[in-house]
């Protein structure tokens, strides 16, 4: 099964839905996500349980277990430039099977992929991505599934919501239908199959502070 999981670092991750997947005990998952959480939180808990077989990501630097599993050959990994990953997901949700980009030409990213020349420049073909299940996090939603994201949480979540055969969203607040300003809706409810009201822990990935200046 292929699952898309929204979020950037630990911001905007569907942490409660990830925990629910862990509790099912499902194995051999392919997970599409910008990163894989940290060792004890987010998608990291699925790694720890041996539930993920393959990751399609752009960044994995905060998870030591991820590195250990990959280097030991126990985890398959498909690295993508971050913008390419975002566009592959957007394309999948828009029904676009493939597109050409300059990013990655002449590097390992382009190995085994079609290269085509447009106006004297080489481009590499990338395939759109879809998933059996998309799990996303939003700030507010109504009973029809219309969603509003908050600040940085509006990262991979909107595009992943469109690219899943089934999309489940966890929200901090469910408001009455019709109370959201139509101009403020980021994801229309037509893409959403299930909406769940949750309470999020909202951890900080790397807390960095400076000393308070004395008077």
Foldseek 3Di string as FASTA:
>chain_A
DEEEFADDALPFTLFVVLVVVVVVVAAAYEYEYQEQHECPGHNNVCVVSRRYAEYEHADYPRYPSVVVCVVVVRHHYHHDHPVLSLVLLLCLLVVNFKDWDLPPPPHPNQPPFDWDDDPRGITTMDGHDAGQEYETEAAEAEPLGFGAHDPPSPDSRQSNLSRHPAYEYEYQYYDYPPPDDPVRGSHGSVSHDYYHYDDDPRDDSDDDDDDDDDD
